[in-house]
Structure formats: C-alpha cells, structure tokens
Amino acid sequence: MKLKKQQNRGRKHAKILAAMLVFLLCGCNHRDTEYKLSDSTGGSTAETVFGNQKEVDEEQTVSEKSAGETTGIPEKREAQETAPEETVQVYICGAVASPGVYTLPGGSRVVQAVEAAGGFLPDAEEKILNLARKIEDGEQITVWTREEAENMEITETPQQNTGGTEQASGSGKVNLNTAGKEELMTLSGIGESRADAIIAYREANGPFGSIEEIMNIEGIKEKMFEKIRGSIEV
C-alpha cells in the first residue's frame, strides 16, 4: 500500500516536471520569435516614420517658399505705390500775373511755371524764354518786359542759358554792395543808366543796409523792386 502511494507521488512529480519543462521550452521559443519579429520589422517601421517626416518637411519648405514669393510681390507694389512724388520749387518773377515761389511736379517745364504764376502779362517778352526747358529745383525764372528786353543786352552763359533765368553768384543773387556794372545789369529792369545810379548811390552813401534801400534810387520803385527782390542781397 505504501509502495503504491509512493509510485503515484513519483508519477505526479514526473508529470509536473514534464509540464514545467514543456512550458519553459515553449516560453523561450515564443520569446525568441518575438525578438526576431521586432528586429525584422523595427528597421522598416523606422524607415517609414523618418521617410514620412522627410516628405512633410519638404512639403512645408516648398509651401513656405511659395508663400514668401507670393506675399513679396504685393509688398513691393505697395512700396512703389506709396513712394512720395518728386517735386521741384521754382521762383518765378517779372512780367507774370502772380510772381512767387511755386512747387511743381518733378520734370515740369518752364511753361508750367508760367501757368502756375497766372500767365504772362500783356507786356511780357515771351520770345526770350525757352518754354520747353525742364525746371531745376531751386532756380529762378525772370520774365522780361518788351521794354526791358530792348534796353538790356541779354547774353547766354552756362548759368543763364535758360532764357531769363539769372544766377549771378553762388547764391543765385546779386550783391548790391559788391556787384559791378555788368552784374547789376543782369537784374530785371536794370539797364546801364540804373546800374550807374546804384554804383553812384553806394559811393555817396556807403553800403546798402538792406535790399529795400534800392528804392531810394530814381527810377526804381516798388513795382520794379518786387521784380528783383528775389535776385538781390546785401
């Protein structure tokens, strides 16, 4: 009886050991299979992920470049459209309706300056002006009368080949205290006799204290002074 029980226990132990051995063997084989599967698929998965990411990056780069090129064109156009218009300032005096300083668009001609000043007066000598000449910023245009043109010898110089534009000095003005006879005669309405009178006046009374003092000379009154005031200095 005891012998039979011992045999049964031995068989149970043998079955248990056999079962454990089978379990261990099956478990190891399954684990190896998992490892091999992971190794074989891991590389492919990684390549797929990195490949997709690369394509996404390239698409974003192309999109950003296209967007930059598209938005850049309106910005350039807007900058060109908002650029300030170039202008020039000119002083026009003499035989025009409204002498003064006028602001005109860049590239304007002498005829446009005359129109801005109200046009020629009836006694203006239009022939001595080149109406088609382009205006330069800061210049002076003097419109002579017929009488003034007859009494004066108008010569063309590099500063005066504009037909009535006078720039007798670096500042563009004639100094009443230092100008000689010929320089004084470049002023609108100042002929030989008046130039002599200006020189005689300053020799007798000393230097001019102001440009308005020139009206003390016979034959030079307010109307003529207004024509030349922008061309003289002391």
Protein backbone atom coordinates (compact mmCIF):
# COMPACT_ATOMS: atom_id res chain seq x y z
CA MET A 1 0.00 0.00 0.00
CA LYS A 2 2.74 2.40 0.94
CA LEU A 3 4.64 1.35 -2.12
CA LYS A 4 1.66 2.18 -4.36
CA LYS A 5 1.32 5.68 -2.84
CA GLN A 6 4.99 6.36 -3.39
CA GLN A 7 4.70 5.30 -7.00
CA ASN A 8 1.70 7.61 -7.50
CA ARG A 9 3.61 10.53 -5.97
CA GLY A 10 6.54 9.83 -8.19
CA ARG A 11 4.33 9.84 -11.25
CA LYS A 12 2.75 13.15 -10.23
CA HIS A 13 6.16 14.68 -9.70
CA ALA A 14 7.28 13.40 -13.07
CA LYS A 15 4.22 14.87 -14.76
CA ILE A 16 4.76 18.21 -13.04
CA LEU A 17 8.40 18.31 -14.06
CA ALA A 18 7.48 17.34 -17.61
CA ALA A 19 4.86 20.08 -17.74
CA MET A 20 7.30 22.66 -16.41
CA LEU A 21 9.90 21.62 -18.93
CA VAL A 22 7.42 21.94 -21.80
CA PHE A 23 6.33 25.35 -20.54
CA LEU A 24 9.89 26.59 -20.29
CA LEU A 25 10.77 25.35 -23.74
CA CYS A 26 7.66 26.85 -25.33
CA GLY A 27 8.16 30.15 -23.50
CA CYS A 28 11.77 30.53 -24.69
CA ASN A 29 10.84 29.71 -28.28
CA HIS A 30 7.98 32.24 -28.20
CA ARG A 31 10.28 34.94 -26.78
CA ASP A 32 12.85 34.27 -29.50
CA THR A 33 10.10 34.60 -32.07
CA GLU A 34 9.04 37.97 -30.63
CA TYR A 35 12.64 39.23 -30.62
CA LYS A 36 13.15 38.15 -34.22
CA LEU A 37 9.89 39.76 -35.28
CA SER A 38 10.82 43.02 -33.59
CA ASP A 39 14.26 43.02 -35.21
CA SER A 40 12.86 42.30 -38.66
CA THR A 41 10.06 44.92 -38.55
CA GLY A 42 11.77 47.63 -36.49
CA GLY A 43 14.00 48.84 -39.30
CA SER A 44 11.12 49.04 -41.76
CA THR A 45 8.95 50.92 -39.30
CA ALA A 46 11.73 53.41 -38.52
CA GLU A 47 12.40 53.96 -42.19
CA THR A 48 8.70 54.55 -42.84
CA VAL A 49 8.43 57.07 -39.97
CA PHE A 50 11.56 59.01 -40.94
CA GLY A 51 10.62 58.88 -44.62
CA ASN A 52 7.18 60.34 -43.95
CA GLN A 53 8.69 63.05 -41.74
CA LYS A 54 11.15 64.00 -44.51
CA GLU A 55 8.32 64.31 -47.03
CA VAL A 56 6.35 66.51 -44.60
CA ASP A 57 9.39 68.78 -44.06
CA GLU A 58 9.94 69.13 -47.82
CA GLU A 59 6.28 69.99 -48.40
CA GLN A 60 6.40 72.62 -45.65
CA THR A 61 9.58 74.15 -47.15
CA VAL A 62 8.01 74.38 -50.60
CA SER A 63 4.82 75.87 -49.15
CA GLU A 64 6.75 78.49 -47.14
CA LYS A 65 8.86 79.42 -50.17
CA SER A 66 5.77 79.79 -52.36
CA ALA A 67 4.03 81.84 -49.70
CA GLY A 68 7.07 84.11 -49.34
CA GLU A 69 7.29 84.69 -53.10
CA THR A 70 3.55 85.36 -53.32
CA THR A 71 3.45 87.82 -50.41
CA GLY A 72 6.63 89.58 -51.54
CA ILE A 73 5.08 90.86 -54.80
CA PRO A 74 2.24 92.87 -53.20
CA GLU A 75 4.69 94.35 -50.69
CA LYS A 76 6.95 95.63 -53.49
CA ARG A 77 3.97 97.01 -55.39
CA GLU A 78 2.64 98.70 -52.27
CA ALA A 79 6.03 100.30 -51.59
CA GLN A 80 6.16 101.64 -55.16
CA GLU A 81 2.61 102.96 -54.99
CA THR A 82 3.20 104.78 -51.68
CA ALA A 83 6.52 106.38 -52.73
CA PRO A 84 6.28 110.17 -52.42
CA GLU A 85 6.06 112.12 -55.69
CA GLU A 86 9.18 114.08 -56.60
CA THR A 87 8.68 117.85 -56.68
CA VAL A 88 10.70 120.97 -57.51
CA GLN A 89 10.43 124.51 -56.22
CA VAL A 90 10.93 127.49 -58.52
CA TYR A 91 10.80 131.25 -58.04
CA ILE A 92 9.18 133.00 -60.99
CA CYS A 93 9.15 136.77 -61.14
CA GLY A 94 8.88 139.63 -63.60
CA ALA A 95 6.07 140.08 -66.12
CA VAL A 96 3.71 137.40 -64.80
CA ALA A 97 0.36 137.81 -63.06
CA SER A 98 1.39 136.36 -59.68
CA PRO A 99 5.16 136.26 -59.02
CA GLY A 100 6.25 133.93 -56.25
CA VAL A 101 7.65 130.55 -55.24
CA TYR A 102 5.78 127.56 -56.63
CA THR A 103 6.03 123.82 -56.01
CA LEU A 104 5.64 121.77 -59.18
CA PRO A 105 5.91 118.07 -60.05
CA GLY A 106 9.37 116.84 -60.95
CA GLY A 107 10.09 117.13 -64.68
CA SER A 108 7.89 120.21 -65.12
CA ARG A 109 8.70 122.70 -67.90
CA VAL A 110 9.06 126.49 -67.86
CA VAL A 111 5.63 126.83 -69.47
CA GLN A 112 4.07 125.08 -66.46
CA ALA A 113 5.79 127.50 -64.08
CA VAL A 114 4.41 130.44 -66.08
CA GLU A 115 0.93 128.92 -65.94
CA ALA A 116 1.26 128.41 -62.17
CA ALA A 117 2.11 132.11 -61.81
CA GLY A 118 -1.06 133.13 -63.64
CA GLY A 119 0.40 133.51 -67.12
CA PHE A 120 2.22 136.30 -68.93
CA LEU A 121 1.33 139.96 -68.52
CA PRO A 122 0.40 141.76 -71.76
CA ASP A 123 3.83 143.45 -71.99
CA ALA A 124 5.86 140.26 -71.36
CA GLU A 125 8.56 139.36 -73.87
CA GLU A 126 7.88 135.64 -74.31
CA LYS A 127 10.47 135.04 -77.01
CA ILE A 128 13.46 135.14 -74.66
CA LEU A 129 12.14 132.20 -72.65
CA ASN A 130 12.61 128.56 -73.60
CA LEU A 131 9.19 127.37 -72.54
CA ALA A 132 10.03 123.72 -73.23
CA ARG A 133 13.03 123.58 -70.88
CA LYS A 134 12.85 121.34 -67.81
CA ILE A 135 12.89 123.15 -64.48
CA GLU A 136 15.59 122.50 -61.89
CA ASP A 137 14.85 122.60 -58.17
CA GLY A 138 15.60 125.96 -56.55
CA GLU A 139 16.04 128.01 -59.73
CA GLN A 140 14.70 131.45 -60.56
CA ILE A 141 12.89 132.35 -63.75
CA THR A 142 12.58 136.03 -64.68
CA VAL A 143 10.10 137.08 -67.34
CA TRP A 144 11.25 140.29 -69.01
CA THR A 145 9.01 143.01 -70.43
CA ARG A 146 9.48 144.16 -74.02
CA GLU A 147 10.89 147.47 -72.83
CA GLU A 148 13.36 145.75 -70.50
CA ALA A 149 14.44 143.40 -73.25
CA GLU A 150 15.09 146.31 -75.62
CA ASN A 151 17.13 148.26 -73.04
CA MET A 152 19.27 145.34 -71.93
CA GLU A 153 21.80 143.16 -73.64
CA ILE A 154 20.80 139.62 -72.67
CA THR A 155 23.69 137.23 -73.06
CA GLU A 156 23.65 133.49 -72.56
CA THR A 157 26.07 131.99 -70.04
CA PRO A 158 26.25 128.46 -68.54
CA GLN A 159 24.11 129.78 -65.66
CA GLN A 160 21.85 131.91 -67.87
CA ASN A 161 21.17 129.84 -70.98
CA THR A 162 17.69 129.12 -69.68
CA GLY A 163 16.16 132.21 -71.28
CA GLY A 164 15.54 134.60 -68.44
CA THR A 165 16.96 132.55 -65.53
CA GLU A 166 19.63 134.51 -63.65
CA GLN A 167 22.21 133.22 -61.21
CA ALA A 168 24.81 135.97 -60.85
CA SER A 169 26.55 134.49 -57.84
CA GLY A 170 26.95 131.22 -55.99
CA SER A 171 23.81 132.03 -54.00
CA GLY A 172 21.94 132.95 -57.19
CA LYS A 173 21.66 136.61 -56.09
CA VAL A 174 23.41 139.88 -57.00
CA ASN A 175 25.06 141.65 -54.06
CA LEU A 176 24.19 145.35 -54.26
CA ASN A 177 27.33 146.30 -52.34
CA THR A 178 29.88 144.39 -54.40
CA ALA A 179 28.37 143.92 -57.88
CA GLY A 180 29.89 145.74 -60.83
CA LYS A 181 28.02 147.49 -63.57
CA GLU A 182 27.66 144.46 -65.84
CA GLU A 183 26.49 142.23 -63.00
CA LEU A 184 23.88 144.77 -61.91
CA MET A 185 22.60 144.91 -65.50
CA THR A 186 21.68 141.24 -65.31
CA LEU A 187 18.82 142.23 -62.99
CA SER A 188 15.36 142.59 -64.47
CA GLY A 189 14.75 146.23 -65.49
CA ILE A 190 18.24 147.44 -64.58
CA GLY A 191 19.85 148.97 -67.65
CA GLU A 192 23.10 150.87 -67.99
CA SER A 193 21.82 154.14 -66.51
CA ARG A 194 20.26 152.49 -63.46
CA ALA A 195 23.33 150.37 -62.86
CA ASP A 196 25.42 153.57 -62.85
CA ALA A 197 22.91 155.11 -60.42
CA ILE A 198 23.24 152.18 -57.99
CA ILE A 199 27.03 152.42 -58.02
CA ALA A 200 26.90 156.22 -57.56
CA TYR A 201 24.46 155.83 -54.65
CA ARG A 202 26.63 153.42 -52.69
CA GLU A 203 29.75 155.52 -53.34
CA ALA A 204 27.96 158.58 -51.92
CA ASN A 205 26.07 156.90 -49.05
CA GLY A 206 28.12 153.81 -48.24
CA PRO A 207 26.99 150.17 -48.48
CA PHE A 208 23.31 149.35 -48.72
CA GLY A 209 21.87 148.46 -45.34
CA SER A 210 19.00 146.44 -46.82
CA ILE A 211 17.71 145.46 -50.21
CA GLU A 212 14.72 147.79 -49.74
CA GLU A 213 17.13 150.75 -49.79
CA ILE A 214 17.50 150.33 -53.54
CA MET A 215 14.10 152.04 -53.89
CA ASN A 216 15.85 155.30 -52.91
CA ILE A 217 17.37 155.33 -56.37
CA GLU A 218 15.46 157.28 -59.01
CA GLY A 219 13.55 155.03 -61.38
CA ILE A 220 13.45 152.05 -59.02
CA LYS A 221 10.18 151.96 -57.16
CA GLU A 222 8.03 149.28 -55.53
CA LYS A 223 6.86 147.60 -58.74
CA MET A 224 10.38 147.10 -60.05
CA PHE A 225 11.63 146.17 -56.59
CA GLU A 226 9.11 143.34 -56.43
CA LYS A 227 10.51 142.00 -59.70
CA ILE A 228 14.12 141.90 -58.48
CA ARG A 229 13.85 141.38 -54.72
CA GLY A 230 14.41 137.63 -55.07
CA SER A 231 17.57 138.28 -57.10
CA ILE A 232 19.40 140.75 -54.85
CA GLU A 233 21.13 140.71 -51.48
CA VAL A 234 23.40 142.90 -49.36
